[in-house]
């Protein structure tokens, strides 16, 4: 199988973790009610931890490699400011979609990076795809919950929309392979831009939803999410 077909397939499978998480959110019912509430907060925390791991272990270290301090600072800050502007625009329009934005902001640059680097290390590309899928399940869960509360769309339409979003994986993965494999500086800038935006969204939209008074499982969910990303990072780098 050619490289571009493999990239398309593995990024599609990673992307399908988004509707899988949405389907879990639509079907999940836990009793008693307090346990269901704590489970939801735990999943949100797990997604936040996984996103933080992506920023700290993948996007920033890989993005900063080979770039000057000034360039790293500009790209990272630009991402945070751009996502703040988008968040404010969504708030003005009454559209709370922070989880969805965070999910796509994480998925798209990682798919680009996967496609650009797959030719040099297929094993690393496969493990990176697994990390992306691991992140996309709780992110899909959280984004579905957010959208189901804020819109009138039913579960079938939302899960269908998430399935269509999964197609962004092959599109950007193959684009990264053909267009950016010889442009590492551009790939690095995209990763840093996304990292700044994701870090903003973690503390603006995700972390405030995590805390439950006198409950300790949600913070542990954040630790578990970060640990899952750390394990994947160590597997990629042979730790």
Protein backbone atom coordinates (compact mmCIF):
# COMPACT_ATOMS: atom_id res chain seq x y z
CA UNK A 1 0.00 0.00 0.00
CA UNK A 2 1.34 3.44 -0.93
CA UNK A 3 2.25 5.99 1.73
CA UNK A 4 -0.62 8.33 0.92
CA UNK A 5 -3.19 5.54 1.14
CA UNK A 6 -1.81 4.46 4.51
CA UNK A 7 -1.89 8.05 5.76
CA UNK A 8 -5.47 8.45 4.57
CA UNK A 9 -6.56 5.24 6.28
CA UNK A 10 -4.91 5.79 9.66
CA UNK A 11 -5.99 9.43 9.90
CA UNK A 12 -9.55 8.40 9.00
CA UNK A 13 -9.55 5.77 11.73
CA UNK A 14 -8.18 8.32 14.20
CA UNK A 15 -10.85 10.79 13.14
CA UNK A 16 -13.64 8.24 13.57
CA UNK A 17 -12.84 8.28 17.28
CA UNK A 18 -14.71 11.63 17.33
CA UNK A 19 -18.13 10.20 16.35
CA UNK A 20 -17.36 7.18 18.54
CA UNK A 21 -17.04 9.51 21.52
CA UNK A 22 -20.19 11.35 20.45
CA UNK A 23 -22.10 8.06 20.20
CA UNK A 24 -20.95 7.14 23.71
CA UNK A 25 -22.15 10.50 25.00
CA UNK A 26 -25.56 10.05 23.35
CA UNK A 27 -26.07 6.56 24.79
CA UNK A 28 -24.43 6.92 28.20
CA UNK A 29 -26.87 6.73 31.11
CA UNK A 30 -25.59 6.04 34.59
CA UNK A 31 -27.55 5.75 37.80
CA UNK A 32 -27.47 7.08 40.45
CA UNK A 33 -27.49 10.61 39.08
CA UNK A 34 -24.48 11.79 41.12
CA UNK A 35 -22.35 9.08 39.53
CA UNK A 36 -23.46 10.09 36.04
CA UNK A 37 -22.59 13.71 36.82
CA UNK A 38 -19.15 12.75 38.13
CA UNK A 39 -18.53 10.53 35.10
CA UNK A 40 -19.27 13.43 32.73
CA UNK A 41 -16.92 15.74 34.59
CA UNK A 42 -14.29 13.01 34.60
CA UNK A 43 -14.52 12.62 30.83
CA UNK A 44 -14.19 16.39 30.37
CA UNK A 45 -11.14 16.33 32.64
CA UNK A 46 -9.64 13.37 30.74
CA UNK A 47 -10.03 15.28 27.47
CA UNK A 48 -8.40 18.34 29.01
CA UNK A 49 -5.50 16.24 30.25
CA UNK A 50 -5.07 14.63 26.85
CA UNK A 51 -5.08 18.04 25.16
CA UNK A 52 -2.52 19.33 27.66
CA UNK A 53 -0.36 16.29 26.90
CA UNK A 54 -0.64 17.01 23.18
CA UNK A 55 0.52 20.59 23.79
CA UNK A 56 3.32 19.76 26.22
CA UNK A 57 4.64 16.56 24.64
CA UNK A 58 3.92 16.81 20.92
CA UNK A 59 2.93 20.20 19.55
CA UNK A 60 5.39 22.43 21.43
CA UNK A 61 8.50 20.19 21.43
CA UNK A 62 8.07 19.19 17.79
CA UNK A 63 7.01 22.67 16.71
CA UNK A 64 9.86 24.46 18.49
CA UNK A 65 12.50 22.22 16.94
CA UNK A 66 14.62 24.20 14.51
CA UNK A 67 12.83 27.53 15.04
CA UNK A 68 14.19 30.65 16.72
CA UNK A 69 12.86 31.77 20.09
CA UNK A 70 11.25 34.82 18.49
CA UNK A 71 9.44 32.71 15.89
CA UNK A 72 8.24 30.23 18.51
CA UNK A 73 6.94 33.08 20.68
CA UNK A 74 5.12 34.77 17.79
CA UNK A 75 3.47 31.57 16.53
CA UNK A 76 2.39 30.43 20.00
CA UNK A 77 1.05 33.84 21.04
CA UNK A 78 -0.71 34.30 17.69
CA UNK A 79 -2.56 31.03 18.23
CA UNK A 80 -3.75 32.06 21.69
CA UNK A 81 -4.89 35.49 20.47
CA UNK A 82 -6.63 34.05 17.42
CA UNK A 83 -8.54 31.52 19.50
CA UNK A 84 -9.46 34.18 22.02
CA UNK A 85 -10.91 36.27 19.18
CA UNK A 86 -12.83 33.23 17.89
CA UNK A 87 -14.09 32.40 21.38
CA UNK A 88 -15.32 35.96 21.87
CA UNK A 89 -17.05 35.90 18.49
CA UNK A 90 -18.80 32.63 19.38
CA UNK A 91 -19.83 34.07 22.76
CA UNK A 92 -21.30 37.17 21.12
CA UNK A 93 -23.36 34.94 18.84
CA UNK A 94 -24.44 32.73 21.73
CA UNK A 95 -22.64 29.67 20.34
CA UNK A 96 -20.71 27.79 23.04
CA UNK A 97 -18.49 25.52 20.93
CA UNK A 98 -15.18 25.59 22.80
CA UNK A 99 -14.89 21.80 23.00
CA UNK A 100 -15.56 21.41 19.28
CA UNK A 101 -12.99 24.08 18.40
CA UNK A 102 -10.44 22.48 20.72
CA UNK A 103 -11.05 19.07 19.16
CA UNK A 104 -10.55 20.28 15.60
CA UNK A 105 -7.63 22.53 16.58
CA UNK A 106 -5.88 19.47 17.94
CA UNK A 107 -6.86 17.05 15.18
CA UNK A 108 -6.02 19.14 12.11
CA UNK A 109 -2.39 20.12 12.90
CA UNK A 110 -1.56 16.65 14.17
CA UNK A 111 -2.96 15.14 10.96
CA UNK A 112 -0.84 17.59 8.97
CA UNK A 113 2.23 16.72 11.00
CA UNK A 114 1.54 12.99 10.71
CA UNK A 115 1.32 13.23 6.94
CA UNK A 116 4.48 15.31 6.68
CA UNK A 117 6.59 13.00 8.85
CA UNK A 118 5.12 9.58 7.98
CA UNK A 119 7.57 8.94 5.17
CA UNK A 120 10.56 9.13 7.55
CA UNK A 121 9.11 7.01 10.39
CA UNK A 122 6.09 4.82 9.78
CA UNK A 123 6.16 3.35 13.28
CA UNK A 124 6.10 6.80 14.86
CA UNK A 125 3.27 7.76 12.51
CA UNK A 126 1.20 4.76 13.58
CA UNK A 127 1.65 5.49 17.28
CA UNK A 128 0.90 9.18 16.73
CA UNK A 129 -2.33 8.15 15.01
CA UNK A 130 -3.17 6.06 18.09
CA UNK A 131 -2.54 9.09 20.33
CA UNK A 132 -4.83 11.21 18.15
CA UNK A 133 -7.57 8.59 18.38
CA UNK A 134 -7.14 8.39 22.15
CA UNK A 135 -7.61 12.15 22.41
CA UNK A 136 -10.55 12.23 20.00
CA UNK A 137 -12.78 9.88 22.00
CA UNK A 138 -13.17 12.12 25.10
CA UNK A 139 -13.08 15.25 22.94
CA UNK A 140 -15.93 13.87 20.81
CA UNK A 141 -17.82 12.98 23.99
CA UNK A 142 -17.40 16.46 25.45
CA UNK A 143 -18.13 18.31 22.21
CA UNK A 144 -21.33 16.28 21.73
CA UNK A 145 -22.50 17.14 25.24
CA UNK A 146 -21.78 20.81 24.66
CA UNK A 147 -23.55 20.95 21.29
CA UNK A 148 -26.53 18.86 22.40
CA UNK A 149 -27.19 21.35 25.20
CA UNK A 150 -26.70 24.41 23.01
CA UNK A 151 -28.53 23.36 19.82
CA UNK A 152 -31.79 21.71 18.80
CA UNK A 153 -30.11 19.03 16.68
CA UNK A 154 -30.78 15.38 17.50
CA UNK A 155 -28.16 12.75 18.20
CA UNK A 156 -28.24 11.30 14.67
CA UNK A 157 -27.46 14.65 13.06
CA UNK A 158 -24.70 15.48 15.53
CA UNK A 159 -23.03 12.08 15.23
CA UNK A 160 -23.35 12.33 11.44
CA UNK A 161 -21.67 15.74 11.51
CA UNK A 162 -18.85 14.35 13.64
CA UNK A 163 -18.44 11.51 11.15
CA UNK A 164 -18.06 14.03 8.33
CA UNK A 165 -15.45 15.86 10.42
CA UNK A 166 -13.46 12.63 10.53
CA UNK A 167 -12.85 13.09 6.80
CA UNK A 168 -10.67 16.08 7.67
CA UNK A 169 -8.06 13.57 8.84
CA UNK A 170 -7.32 12.08 5.39
CA UNK A 171 -7.63 15.50 3.74
CA UNK A 172 -5.07 17.20 5.96
CA UNK A 173 -2.91 14.11 6.43
CA UNK A 174 -2.47 13.62 2.67
CA UNK A 175 -2.07 17.38 2.17
CA UNK A 176 0.67 17.43 4.78
CA UNK A 177 2.38 14.51 3.07
CA UNK A 178 2.43 16.07 -0.39
CA UNK A 179 2.65 19.78 0.40
CA UNK A 180 4.54 20.12 3.66
CA UNK A 181 6.96 17.20 3.88
CA UNK A 182 9.65 19.51 2.46
CA UNK A 183 8.51 22.54 4.52
CA UNK A 184 9.28 21.67 8.15
CA UNK A 185 9.26 25.30 9.26
CA UNK A 186 5.64 25.74 8.12
CA UNK A 187 4.58 22.53 9.87
CA UNK A 188 6.31 23.73 13.05
CA UNK A 189 4.55 27.09 12.88
CA UNK A 190 1.15 25.40 12.46
CA UNK A 191 1.80 23.14 15.45
CA UNK A 192 2.84 26.05 17.67
CA UNK A 193 -0.12 28.16 16.55
CA UNK A 194 -2.46 25.30 17.44
CA UNK A 195 -0.68 24.75 20.77
CA UNK A 196 -1.25 28.35 21.82
CA UNK A 197 -4.91 28.16 20.86
CA UNK A 198 -5.49 24.85 22.60
CA UNK A 199 -3.85 26.05 25.81
CA UNK A 200 -6.14 29.08 25.79
CA UNK A 201 -9.21 26.86 25.31
CA UNK A 202 -8.17 24.43 28.06
CA UNK A 203 -8.25 27.17 30.69
CA UNK A 204 -11.10 29.18 29.19
CA UNK A 205 -13.64 26.46 28.34
CA UNK A 206 -12.56 23.03 29.60
CA UNK A 207 -10.97 23.44 33.04
CA UNK A 208 -13.86 25.54 34.47
CA UNK A 209 -16.27 22.66 33.65
CA UNK A 210 -14.22 20.04 35.47
CA UNK A 211 -14.51 20.95 39.14
CA UNK A 212 -17.16 19.32 41.32
CA UNK A 213 -17.39 20.26 44.97
CA UNK A 214 -16.21 17.46 47.28
CA UNK A 215 -15.47 15.12 44.38
CA UNK A 216 -11.97 13.94 43.52
CA UNK A 217 -12.43 11.71 40.47
CA UNK A 218 -12.50 14.52 37.84
CA UNK A 219 -9.00 15.81 38.72
CA UNK A 220 -7.77 12.24 38.53
CA UNK A 221 -9.37 12.07 35.09
CA UNK A 222 -7.19 14.99 34.00
CA UNK A 223 -4.12 13.18 35.35
CA UNK A 224 -5.18 10.01 33.51
CA UNK A 225 -5.60 11.95 30.26
CA UNK A 226 -2.16 13.49 30.55
CA UNK A 227 -0.67 10.12 31.49
CA UNK A 228 -2.23 8.51 28.42
CA UNK A 229 -0.59 11.15 26.26
CA UNK A 230 2.71 10.69 28.09
CA UNK A 231 2.65 6.93 27.49
CA UNK A 232 1.99 7.49 23.81
CA UNK A 233 4.82 10.03 23.65
CA UNK A 234 7.23 7.57 25.26
CA UNK A 235 6.16 4.85 22.83
CA UNK A 236 6.80 7.18 19.87
CA UNK A 237 10.26 8.04 21.15
CA UNK A 238 11.19 4.55 22.28
CA UNK A 239 11.00 5.26 25.99
